Amino acid sequence: MSHIIIDGYNCIGVMHKDLQKARNNFINLLIEYRKVKGHNITVVFDGHKDGGFQETNVVQGGIRIIYTPIGISADDTILRIVSEERRHWIVISDDRMVSKGVWAIGSVAISCGLFLDRLNRSLCNEDRNDFYMDTEQKLSKRQKAIKRALSHL
């Protein structure tokens, strides 16, 4: 079982006619994924534009959902949580600042695209690990860490 923290809007984007529906659909996918894999999953959504004045934490279907307060980004919240809750996190984000901070703390950052591909495969029973399958290529420490993290997803 892995500890996964996801930058929600980074994965689903914000260009939706009905952002709340897109967010709920993503959360429902994560709930199904958790049922299959059993991971501890936290998803963080930016509330800095239209959120409240306090961070909101709810649990839905075993998924911890955090809405950041006005003025605080999901990136800052993710880095705070990874720093404070000392465990080996798999952080899902395409943000370079988050990725750099996560690696510096000793956790692993994976792109949203790789994670969504793994999530879809798991939900479609096509779970296989073909990331970096070329054994001729010498992998960097970071690539090895990503490969290990992906094998847990």
C-alpha atoms as a PDB file:
ATOM      1  CA  MET A   1       0.000   0.000   0.000  1.00  0.00           C
ATOM      2  CA  SER A   2       1.359   3.388  -0.997  1.00  0.00           C
ATOM      3  CA  HIS A   3       0.721   6.914   0.265  1.00  0.00           C
ATOM      4  CA  ILE A   4      -0.305   8.987  -2.745  1.00  0.00           C
ATOM      5  CA  ILE A   5      -0.969  12.718  -2.836  1.00  0.00           C
ATOM      6  CA  ILE A   6      -2.414  14.233  -6.006  1.00  0.00           C
ATOM      7  CA  ASP A   7      -2.583  17.792  -7.313  1.00  0.00           C
ATOM      8  CA  GLY A   8      -6.243  17.521  -8.336  1.00  0.00           C
ATOM      9  CA  TYR A   9      -6.642  20.357 -10.816  1.00  0.00           C
ATOM     10  CA  ASN A  10      -3.198  19.616 -12.242  1.00  0.00           C
ATOM     11  CA  CYS A  11      -4.517  16.170 -13.239  1.00  0.00           C
ATOM     12  CA  ILE A  12      -7.997  17.098 -14.440  1.00  0.00           C
ATOM     13  CA  GLY A  13      -7.333  20.627 -15.677  1.00  0.00           C
ATOM     14  CA  VAL A  14      -9.613  23.573 -15.108  1.00  0.00           C
ATOM     15  CA  MET A  15     -11.048  24.013 -18.594  1.00  0.00           C
ATOM     16  CA  HIS A  16     -14.390  22.285 -18.009  1.00  0.00           C
ATOM     17  CA  LYS A  17     -17.879  23.632 -18.516  1.00  0.00           C
ATOM     18  CA  ASP A  18     -18.829  22.057 -15.198  1.00  0.00           C
ATOM     19  CA  LEU A  19     -15.705  21.999 -13.017  1.00  0.00           C
ATOM     20  CA  GLN A  20     -17.571  20.550 -10.039  1.00  0.00           C
ATOM     21  CA  LYS A  21     -18.778  17.612 -12.164  1.00  0.00           C
ATOM     22  CA  ALA A  22     -15.240  16.996 -13.495  1.00  0.00           C
ATOM     23  CA  ARG A  23     -13.887  17.107  -9.942  1.00  0.00           C
ATOM     24  CA  ASN A  24     -16.557  14.659  -8.702  1.00  0.00           C
ATOM     25  CA  ASN A  25     -15.893  12.302 -11.615  1.00  0.00           C
ATOM     26  CA  PHE A  26     -12.171  12.337 -10.791  1.00  0.00           C
ATOM     27  CA  ILE A  27     -12.853  11.653  -7.114  1.00  0.00           C
ATOM     28  CA  ASN A  28     -15.124   8.746  -8.079  1.00  0.00           C
ATOM     29  CA  LEU A  29     -12.337   7.310 -10.253  1.00  0.00           C
ATOM     30  CA  LEU A  30      -9.944   7.592  -7.317  1.00  0.00           C
ATOM     31  CA  ILE A  31     -12.458   5.823  -5.057  1.00  0.00           C
ATOM     32  CA  GLU A  32     -12.664   2.930  -7.533  1.00  0.00           C
ATOM     33  CA  TYR A  33      -8.876   2.856  -7.835  1.00  0.00           C
ATOM     34  CA  ARG A  34      -8.556   2.727  -4.038  1.00  0.00           C
ATOM     35  CA  LYS A  35     -10.972  -0.230  -3.944  1.00  0.00           C
ATOM     36  CA  VAL A  36      -8.750  -2.095  -6.415  1.00  0.00           C
ATOM     37  CA  LYS A  37      -5.349  -1.134  -4.984  1.00  0.00           C
ATOM     38  CA  GLY A  38      -5.971  -0.192  -1.345  1.00  0.00           C
ATOM     39  CA  HIS A  39      -3.696   2.867  -1.390  1.00  0.00           C
ATOM     40  CA  ASN A  40      -3.962   5.790   1.011  1.00  0.00           C
ATOM     41  CA  ILE A  41      -4.918   8.609  -1.345  1.00  0.00           C
ATOM     42  CA  THR A  42      -5.054  12.339  -0.698  1.00  0.00           C
ATOM     43  CA  VAL A  43      -6.177  14.736  -3.414  1.00  0.00           C
ATOM     44  CA  VAL A  44      -5.642  18.486  -3.069  1.00  0.00           C
ATOM     45  CA  PHE A  45      -7.684  21.054  -4.970  1.00  0.00           C
ATOM     46  CA  ASP A  46      -6.842  24.746  -5.176  1.00  0.00           C
ATOM     47  CA  GLY A  47      -9.343  26.902  -3.373  1.00  0.00           C
ATOM     48  CA  HIS A  48      -7.250  30.040  -3.631  1.00  0.00           C
ATOM     49  CA  LYS A  49      -9.622  31.660  -6.142  1.00  0.00           C
ATOM     50  CA  ASP A  50     -13.051  30.731  -4.847  1.00  0.00           C
ATOM     51  CA  GLY A  51     -12.439  28.752  -1.683  1.00  0.00           C
ATOM     52  CA  GLY A  52     -13.121  29.627   1.906  1.00  0.00           C
ATOM     53  CA  PHE A  53     -10.822  31.183   4.459  1.00  0.00           C
ATOM     54  CA  GLN A  54      -9.875  27.838   6.008  1.00  0.00           C
ATOM     55  CA  GLU A  55      -8.513  24.618   4.607  1.00  0.00           C
ATOM     56  CA  THR A  56     -11.309  22.078   4.199  1.00  0.00           C
ATOM     57  CA  ASN A  57     -10.640  18.360   4.729  1.00  0.00           C
ATOM     58  CA  VAL A  58     -13.242  15.719   3.941  1.00  0.00           C
ATOM     59  CA  VAL A  59     -13.109  11.974   3.433  1.00  0.00           C
ATOM     60  CA  GLN A  60     -15.188  10.463   0.663  1.00  0.00           C
ATOM     61  CA  GLY A  61     -15.028   6.754  -0.147  1.00  0.00           C
ATOM     62  CA  GLY A  62     -11.762   6.502   1.789  1.00  0.00           C
ATOM     63  CA  ILE A  63     -10.170   9.333  -0.214  1.00  0.00           C
ATOM     64  CA  ARG A  64      -8.890  12.324   1.774  1.00  0.00           C
ATOM     65  CA  ILE A  65      -9.922  15.463  -0.099  1.00  0.00           C
ATOM     66  CA  ILE A  66      -8.403  18.827   0.754  1.00  0.00           C
ATOM     67  CA  TYR A  67      -9.589  22.189  -0.555  1.00  0.00           C
ATOM     68  CA  THR A  68      -7.019  24.887   0.098  1.00  0.00           C
ATOM     69  CA  PRO A  69      -8.059  28.264   1.537  1.00  0.00           C
ATOM     70  CA  ILE A  70      -8.018  31.493  -0.403  1.00  0.00           C
ATOM     71  CA  GLY A  71      -4.431  32.575  -1.002  1.00  0.00           C
ATOM     72  CA  ILE A  72      -2.867  29.111  -0.566  1.00  0.00           C
ATOM     73  CA  SER A  73      -2.123  26.955  -3.599  1.00  0.00           C
ATOM     74  CA  ALA A  74      -2.435  23.184  -3.850  1.00  0.00           C
ATOM     75  CA  ASP A  75       1.319  23.130  -4.591  1.00  0.00           C
ATOM     76  CA  ASP A  76       2.121  24.782  -1.238  1.00  0.00           C
ATOM     77  CA  THR A  77      -0.284  22.486   0.595  1.00  0.00           C
ATOM     78  CA  ILE A  78       1.186  19.360  -1.002  1.00  0.00           C
ATOM     79  CA  LEU A  79       4.738  20.382  -0.098  1.00  0.00           C
ATOM     80  CA  ARG A  80       3.632  21.185   3.467  1.00  0.00           C
ATOM     81  CA  ILE A  81       1.947  17.805   3.904  1.00  0.00           C
ATOM     82  CA  VAL A  82       4.857  15.852   2.424  1.00  0.00           C
ATOM     83  CA  SER A  83       7.255  17.755   4.719  1.00  0.00           C
ATOM     84  CA  GLU A  84       5.147  17.398   7.863  1.00  0.00           C
ATOM     85  CA  GLU A  85       3.861  13.850   7.445  1.00  0.00           C
ATOM     86  CA  ARG A  86       7.195  12.093   7.162  1.00  0.00           C
ATOM     87  CA  ARG A  87       6.564   9.004   5.089  1.00  0.00           C
ATOM     88  CA  HIS A  88       7.455   7.893   1.594  1.00  0.00           C
ATOM     89  CA  TRP A  89       4.962   9.729  -0.602  1.00  0.00           C
ATOM     90  CA  ILE A  90       4.203   9.261  -4.260  1.00  0.00           C
ATOM     91  CA  VAL A  91       3.274  12.750  -5.424  1.00  0.00           C
ATOM     92  CA  ILE A  92       1.264  13.173  -8.617  1.00  0.00           C
ATOM     93  CA  SER A  93       1.868  16.575 -10.195  1.00  0.00           C
ATOM     94  CA  ASP A  94       3.210  18.141 -13.358  1.00  0.00           C
ATOM     95  CA  ASP A  95       4.449  21.205 -11.497  1.00  0.00           C
ATOM     96  CA  ARG A  96       8.253  21.523 -11.554  1.00  0.00           C
ATOM     97  CA  MET A  97       8.457  23.301  -8.200  1.00  0.00           C
ATOM     98  CA  VAL A  98       6.463  20.525  -6.537  1.00  0.00           C
ATOM     99  CA  SER A  99       8.541  17.849  -8.227  1.00  0.00           C
ATOM    100  CA  LYS A 100      11.814  19.449  -7.181  1.00  0.00           C
ATOM    101  CA  GLY A 101      10.629  19.901  -3.590  1.00  0.00           C
ATOM    102  CA  VAL A 102       9.306  16.359  -3.352  1.00  0.00           C
ATOM    103  CA  TRP A 103      12.551  14.807  -4.596  1.00  0.00           C
ATOM    104  CA  ALA A 104      14.531  16.975  -2.148  1.00  0.00           C
ATOM    105  CA  ILE A 105      12.412  15.639   0.730  1.00  0.00           C
ATOM    106  CA  GLY A 106      13.016  12.031  -0.344  1.00  0.00           C
ATOM    107  CA  SER A 107       9.682  11.182  -1.917  1.00  0.00           C
ATOM    108  CA  VAL A 108       8.885  10.439  -5.555  1.00  0.00           C
ATOM    109  CA  ALA A 109       7.165  12.731  -8.049  1.00  0.00           C
ATOM    110  CA  ILE A 110       5.278  11.220 -10.980  1.00  0.00           C
ATOM    111  CA  SER A 111       3.612  13.092 -13.811  1.00  0.00           C
ATOM    112  CA  CYS A 112      -0.161  13.216 -14.046  1.00  0.00           C
ATOM    113  CA  GLY A 113      -0.051  11.471 -17.422  1.00  0.00           C
ATOM    114  CA  LEU A 114       1.848   8.452 -16.091  1.00  0.00           C
ATOM    115  CA  PHE A 115      -0.453   8.223 -13.083  1.00  0.00           C
ATOM    116  CA  LEU A 116      -3.676   8.521 -15.112  1.00  0.00           C
ATOM    117  CA  ASP A 117      -2.408   5.838 -17.483  1.00  0.00           C
ATOM    118  CA  ARG A 118      -1.682   3.542 -14.505  1.00  0.00           C
ATOM    119  CA  LEU A 119      -5.069   4.336 -12.943  1.00  0.00           C
ATOM    120  CA  ASN A 120      -6.912   3.522 -16.182  1.00  0.00           C
ATOM    121  CA  ARG A 121      -4.987   0.279 -16.642  1.00  0.00           C
ATOM    122  CA  SER A 122      -5.750  -0.783 -13.084  1.00  0.00           C
ATOM    123  CA  LEU A 123      -9.454  -0.089 -13.494  1.00  0.00           C
ATOM    124  CA  CYS A 124      -9.476  -1.968 -16.817  1.00  0.00           C
ATOM    125  CA  ASN A 125      -7.544  -4.952 -15.384  1.00  0.00           C
ATOM    126  CA  GLU A 126      -4.588  -4.254 -17.665  1.00  0.00           C
ATOM    127  CA  ASP A 127      -2.137  -3.822 -14.797  1.00  0.00           C
ATOM    128  CA  ARG A 128       1.342  -4.290 -16.199  1.00  0.00           C
ATOM    129  CA  ASN A 129       4.614  -2.524 -15.655  1.00  0.00           C
ATOM    130  CA  ASP A 130       6.132  -1.614 -18.992  1.00  0.00           C
ATOM    131  CA  PHE A 131       7.634   1.723 -17.974  1.00  0.00           C
ATOM    132  CA  TYR A 132      11.378   1.724 -18.684  1.00  0.00           C
ATOM    133  CA  MET A 133      11.320  -1.901 -19.824  1.00  0.00           C
ATOM    134  CA  ASP A 134      14.443  -1.471 -21.951  1.00  0.00           C
ATOM    135  CA  THR A 135      17.059  -3.280 -19.863  1.00  0.00           C
ATOM    136  CA  GLU A 136      19.859  -2.141 -22.185  1.00  0.00           C
ATOM    137  CA  GLN A 137      19.424   1.407 -20.920  1.00  0.00           C
ATOM    138  CA  LYS A 138      21.144   2.313 -17.650  1.00  0.00           C
ATOM    139  CA  LEU A 139      18.594   4.052 -15.447  1.00  0.00           C
ATOM    140  CA  SER A 140      19.333   7.061 -13.283  1.00  0.00           C
ATOM    141  CA  LYS A 141      18.485   6.969  -9.574  1.00  0.00           C
ATOM    142  CA  ARG A 142      15.434   9.110 -10.279  1.00  0.00           C
ATOM    143  CA  GLN A 143      14.249   6.818 -13.094  1.00  0.00           C
ATOM    144  CA  LYS A 144      14.694   3.792 -10.828  1.00  0.00           C
ATOM    145  CA  ALA A 145      12.686   5.510  -8.074  1.00  0.00           C
ATOM    146  CA  ILE A 146       9.904   6.346 -10.552  1.00  0.00           C
ATOM    147  CA  LYS A 147       9.907   2.753 -11.827  1.00  0.00           C
ATOM    148  CA  ARG A 148       9.633   1.419  -8.257  1.00  0.00           C
ATOM    149  CA  ALA A 149       6.824   3.869  -7.440  1.00  0.00           C
ATOM    150  CA  LEU A 150       4.932   2.949 -10.603  1.00  0.00           C
ATOM    151  CA  SER A 151       5.189  -0.731  -9.718  1.00  0.00           C
ATOM    152  CA  HIS A 152       3.283   0.085  -6.516  1.00  0.00           C
ATOM    153  CA  LEU A 153       0.525   2.026  -8.273  1.00  0.00           C
END
